[in-house]
Amino acid sequence: MSKTVCFITRNFGKYDPDSLKGYESIGGFRALRKALTMEGCDIADVLAANGVQGRGGAAYDMGKKWRQAREVPGAHKCVVCNADEGEPGTFKDRELLTHDPFQLLEGMIIAGWAVGADNGYIYLREEYSHLRPRLLSAIAQCEAAGYLGREHLGLRAELPHPPLLRRGGLCLRRGLRPGRVHRRPRRPAPDEAPLYQAVRRVPPAHLRQQRGVPLPGGPPAAGRRGLL
């Protein structure tokens, strides 16, 4: 097991997941402080240069995705973290939320800064409702420390109702709206479709949880350091 490479799980057991100070003691939010000295397009260039890809199956270029989201016109934008984990037999999001919630928040704040978002949502499946208090506590601690709030990104932990199997960013955004999710024959571009079609036009930057969590540390390839 000495050759095991821990990347997404590298912080598990290294700090108290209920303590912001514990996360800071292992270098937490160092990447955010660096990101805040950069322009959003420069952050996207760093991701593209490091070959960071999405983990949703399509391996989409993350730098390209963030640049596209940044270039979408709109007075307000939001970052949506997909923690629904609707694939049968999977539980990676549950473990990340349980053991490393602050790194998820740091990744979302960096994403919000890069694409110009002023709000964010963490989309939780109903079965993970027991983790909502931990996330809300982490969000409150980040707000008190100045990492979240008016100058950066507002966050909410949403429990969709009714709970249904969501697949992809389009269904995720529909699940955040009031009412039951129904299929539509055509899907708009993920970075351009409004989150609340009938309420307000808020272009979302869709961020899968497992993609946002490792962002502060960068990809685990030799010679590549991400934002650190």
Protein backbone atom coordinates (compact mmCIF):
# COMPACT_ATOMS: atom_id res chain seq x y z
CA MET A 1 0.00 0.00 0.00
CA SER A 2 3.04 2.26 0.18
CA LYS A 3 2.59 3.05 -3.53
CA THR A 4 -1.00 4.19 -3.09
CA VAL A 5 -1.53 7.73 -4.37
CA CYS A 6 -4.11 9.67 -2.35
CA PHE A 7 -5.35 12.71 -4.22
CA ILE A 8 -9.00 13.48 -3.61
CA THR A 9 -8.78 11.81 -0.20
CA ARG A 10 -5.40 13.26 0.75
CA ASN A 11 -6.82 15.35 3.63
CA PHE A 12 -8.90 12.58 5.19
CA GLY A 13 -8.02 12.17 8.85
CA LYS A 14 -5.57 15.09 8.85
CA TYR A 15 -7.89 17.67 10.42
CA ASP A 16 -11.16 17.98 12.31
CA PRO A 17 -13.80 18.38 9.55
CA ASP A 18 -15.85 20.57 11.90
CA SER A 19 -12.98 23.02 12.45
CA LEU A 20 -11.93 25.78 10.05
CA LYS A 21 -8.76 26.34 12.08
CA GLY A 22 -7.93 22.67 11.66
CA TYR A 23 -8.23 22.98 7.88
CA GLU A 24 -6.08 26.13 7.89
CA SER A 25 -3.42 24.29 9.92
CA ILE A 26 -2.80 21.92 6.99
CA GLY A 27 -2.61 24.71 4.43
CA GLY A 28 -6.29 25.26 3.83
CA PHE A 29 -7.34 28.39 1.91
CA ARG A 30 -3.77 29.07 0.82
CA ALA A 31 -4.85 28.41 -2.77
CA LEU A 32 -7.78 30.82 -2.39
CA ARG A 33 -5.52 33.59 -1.15
CA LYS A 34 -3.34 33.12 -4.23
CA ALA A 35 -6.37 32.94 -6.54
CA LEU A 36 -7.63 36.27 -5.23
CA THR A 37 -4.46 37.90 -6.55
CA MET A 38 -5.20 36.58 -10.06
CA GLU A 39 -7.70 37.39 -12.77
CA GLY A 40 -10.34 34.76 -13.53
CA CYS A 41 -9.02 34.19 -17.04
CA ASP A 42 -5.52 33.57 -15.60
CA ILE A 43 -6.94 30.96 -13.21
CA ALA A 44 -8.64 29.25 -16.16
CA ASP A 45 -5.31 29.29 -18.03
CA VAL A 46 -3.59 27.60 -15.06
CA LEU A 47 -6.21 24.84 -15.05
CA ALA A 48 -5.91 24.36 -18.80
CA ALA A 49 -2.10 24.30 -18.66
CA ASN A 50 -2.19 21.68 -15.90
CA GLY A 51 -4.59 19.49 -17.86
CA VAL A 52 -7.33 19.54 -15.21
CA GLN A 53 -10.40 17.71 -16.52
CA GLY A 54 -13.89 17.05 -15.32
CA ARG A 55 -14.62 13.73 -13.63
CA GLY A 56 -18.15 13.35 -14.84
CA GLY A 57 -17.23 10.99 -17.69
CA ALA A 58 -16.67 13.46 -20.55
CA ALA A 59 -13.25 14.64 -19.24
CA TYR A 60 -14.08 18.18 -20.35
CA ASP A 61 -11.27 20.73 -20.17
CA MET A 62 -11.91 22.55 -16.90
CA GLY A 63 -10.00 25.66 -17.90
CA LYS A 64 -12.09 25.96 -21.05
CA LYS A 65 -15.29 25.41 -19.09
CA TRP A 66 -14.48 28.15 -16.59
CA ARG A 67 -13.44 30.57 -19.31
CA GLN A 68 -16.74 29.93 -21.11
CA ALA A 69 -18.67 30.52 -17.88
CA ARG A 70 -16.75 33.72 -17.26
CA GLU A 71 -17.50 35.04 -20.74
CA VAL A 72 -21.26 34.43 -20.48
CA PRO A 73 -22.95 37.84 -20.02
CA GLY A 74 -25.06 38.32 -16.93
CA ALA A 75 -25.37 40.67 -13.98
CA HIS A 76 -25.45 37.71 -11.58
CA LYS A 77 -23.91 34.25 -11.86
CA CYS A 78 -23.81 31.29 -9.51
CA VAL A 79 -21.75 28.16 -8.93
CA VAL A 80 -23.69 24.92 -8.45
CA CYS A 81 -21.93 21.98 -6.80
CA ASN A 82 -23.42 18.63 -7.79
CA ALA A 83 -23.39 16.53 -4.61
CA ASP A 84 -26.44 14.52 -5.64
CA GLU A 85 -24.46 11.36 -6.43
CA GLY A 86 -27.32 9.66 -8.22
CA GLU A 87 -25.23 6.89 -9.82
CA PRO A 88 -26.11 3.50 -8.31
CA GLY A 89 -23.53 2.16 -5.87
CA THR A 90 -21.44 5.32 -5.55
CA PHE A 91 -20.63 7.14 -2.31
CA LYS A 92 -17.55 9.28 -3.01
CA ASP A 93 -19.43 12.56 -2.49
CA ARG A 94 -20.65 11.35 0.89
CA GLU A 95 -17.09 10.65 2.02
CA LEU A 96 -15.82 14.01 0.77
CA LEU A 97 -18.62 15.87 2.53
CA THR A 98 -17.96 13.89 5.69
CA HIS A 99 -14.17 14.16 5.88
CA ASP A 100 -13.17 17.26 3.88
CA PRO A 101 -16.01 19.83 3.64
CA PHE A 102 -13.73 22.87 3.80
CA GLN A 103 -11.76 21.91 0.72
CA LEU A 104 -15.05 21.64 -1.18
CA LEU A 105 -15.96 25.16 -0.07
CA GLU A 106 -12.52 26.49 -1.00
CA GLY A 107 -12.85 25.00 -4.48
CA MET A 108 -16.29 26.55 -4.91
CA ILE A 109 -15.08 29.98 -3.78
CA ILE A 110 -12.18 29.82 -6.25
CA ALA A 111 -14.63 28.80 -8.98
CA GLY A 112 -16.93 31.68 -8.07
CA TRP A 113 -14.06 34.16 -8.16
CA ALA A 114 -12.82 32.83 -11.51
CA VAL A 115 -16.16 32.94 -13.33
CA GLY A 116 -17.50 36.09 -11.67
CA ALA A 117 -20.23 34.42 -9.59
CA ASP A 118 -21.84 36.08 -6.59
CA ASN A 119 -23.80 33.09 -5.28
CA GLY A 120 -23.49 29.33 -4.97
CA TYR A 121 -25.52 26.22 -4.22
CA ILE A 122 -24.52 22.80 -2.91
CA TYR A 123 -27.03 20.31 -4.30
CA LEU A 124 -27.47 17.50 -1.73
CA ARG A 125 -29.41 14.30 -2.19
CA GLU A 126 -32.03 13.59 0.46
CA GLU A 127 -30.09 10.59 1.77
CA TYR A 128 -27.25 12.94 2.73
CA SER A 129 -29.46 15.30 4.74
CA HIS A 130 -27.57 14.29 7.90
CA LEU A 131 -24.51 16.05 6.44
CA ARG A 132 -26.32 19.35 5.91
CA PRO A 133 -25.63 20.63 9.46
CA ARG A 134 -21.90 20.00 8.93
CA LEU A 135 -21.94 21.94 5.68
CA LEU A 136 -23.95 24.79 7.17
CA SER A 137 -21.49 24.97 10.08
CA ALA A 138 -18.55 25.04 7.66
CA ILE A 139 -20.23 27.78 5.62
CA ALA A 140 -20.90 29.82 8.78
CA GLN A 141 -17.27 29.48 9.87
CA CYS A 142 -16.06 30.59 6.42
CA GLU A 143 -18.37 33.60 6.58
CA ALA A 144 -17.09 34.55 10.03
CA ALA A 145 -13.50 34.29 8.82
CA GLY A 146 -14.20 36.45 5.75
CA TYR A 147 -13.72 33.72 3.14
CA LEU A 148 -17.41 33.88 2.22
CA GLY A 149 -19.80 36.79 2.07
CA ARG A 150 -20.49 39.97 0.18
CA GLU A 151 -17.00 40.32 -1.29
CA HIS A 152 -16.61 36.74 -2.42
CA LEU A 153 -19.41 34.18 -2.73
CA GLY A 154 -22.64 33.43 -0.89
CA LEU A 155 -23.40 29.73 -0.42
CA ARG A 156 -26.46 27.65 0.37
CA ALA A 157 -26.79 23.91 1.00
CA GLU A 158 -29.95 22.88 -0.88
CA LEU A 159 -32.00 19.73 -0.30
CA PRO A 160 -34.07 19.21 -3.48
CA HIS A 161 -37.67 18.09 -3.19
CA PRO A 162 -38.87 15.67 -4.31
CA PRO A 163 -35.68 13.53 -4.44
CA LEU A 164 -35.24 12.10 -7.92
CA LEU A 165 -32.33 10.60 -9.85
CA ARG A 166 -30.49 13.50 -11.52
CA ARG A 167 -28.19 13.00 -14.48
CA GLY A 168 -26.11 15.91 -15.70
CA GLY A 169 -26.15 19.64 -15.20
CA LEU A 170 -29.51 20.24 -16.87
CA CYS A 171 -31.46 17.97 -14.52
CA LEU A 172 -29.51 19.35 -11.59
CA ARG A 173 -30.60 22.90 -12.37
CA ARG A 174 -34.20 21.80 -12.80
CA GLY A 175 -34.02 20.07 -9.43
CA LEU A 176 -33.10 23.36 -7.77
CA ARG A 177 -36.25 25.00 -9.07
CA PRO A 178 -39.58 24.57 -7.34
CA GLY A 179 -41.71 21.61 -8.45
CA ARG A 180 -41.06 18.18 -9.89
CA VAL A 181 -38.40 17.55 -12.52
CA HIS A 182 -39.66 16.67 -16.02
CA ARG A 183 -37.77 15.80 -19.18
CA ARG A 184 -37.35 18.30 -21.98
CA PRO A 185 -36.53 17.35 -25.58
CA ARG A 186 -33.66 19.83 -25.97
CA ARG A 187 -30.99 20.98 -23.57
CA PRO A 188 -29.34 24.41 -23.65
CA ALA A 189 -25.62 24.98 -23.24
CA PRO A 190 -24.82 24.32 -19.54
CA ASP A 191 -23.02 27.63 -18.99
CA GLU A 192 -25.73 29.73 -20.63
CA ALA A 193 -28.99 28.24 -19.39
CA PRO A 194 -30.57 30.24 -16.54
CA LEU A 195 -30.88 28.57 -13.17
CA TYR A 196 -34.37 29.95 -12.52
CA GLN A 197 -35.96 30.34 -15.97
CA ALA A 198 -39.11 32.10 -14.84
CA VAL A 199 -37.69 33.98 -11.86
CA ARG A 200 -34.35 35.45 -12.85
CA ARG A 201 -31.67 34.77 -15.42
CA VAL A 202 -28.67 33.53 -13.48
CA PRO A 203 -26.11 31.67 -15.62
CA PRO A 204 -24.72 28.81 -13.51
CA ALA A 205 -21.23 27.34 -13.57
CA HIS A 206 -21.89 23.66 -12.98
CA LEU A 207 -19.20 22.15 -10.73
CA ARG A 208 -19.17 18.48 -9.89
CA GLN A 209 -18.16 17.91 -6.30
CA GLN A 210 -15.28 15.57 -7.10
CA ARG A 211 -13.99 18.14 -9.59
CA GLY A 212 -14.14 21.06 -7.18
CA VAL A 213 -12.57 19.34 -4.19
CA PRO A 214 -9.07 18.66 -5.59
CA LEU A 215 -8.80 22.08 -7.22
CA PRO A 216 -6.87 23.88 -4.45
CA GLY A 217 -4.09 21.29 -4.58
CA GLY A 218 -3.86 21.06 -8.37
CA PRO A 219 -3.48 17.85 -10.40
CA PRO A 220 -1.18 15.12 -9.00
CA ALA A 221 1.21 15.02 -11.96
CA ALA A 222 4.95 15.52 -11.70
CA GLY A 223 5.92 19.15 -12.14
CA ARG A 224 2.34 20.42 -12.01
CA ARG A 225 1.28 22.41 -8.97
CA GLY A 226 -2.09 23.92 -9.79
CA LEU A 227 -2.73 27.05 -7.72
CA LEU A 228 -0.28 26.20 -4.92
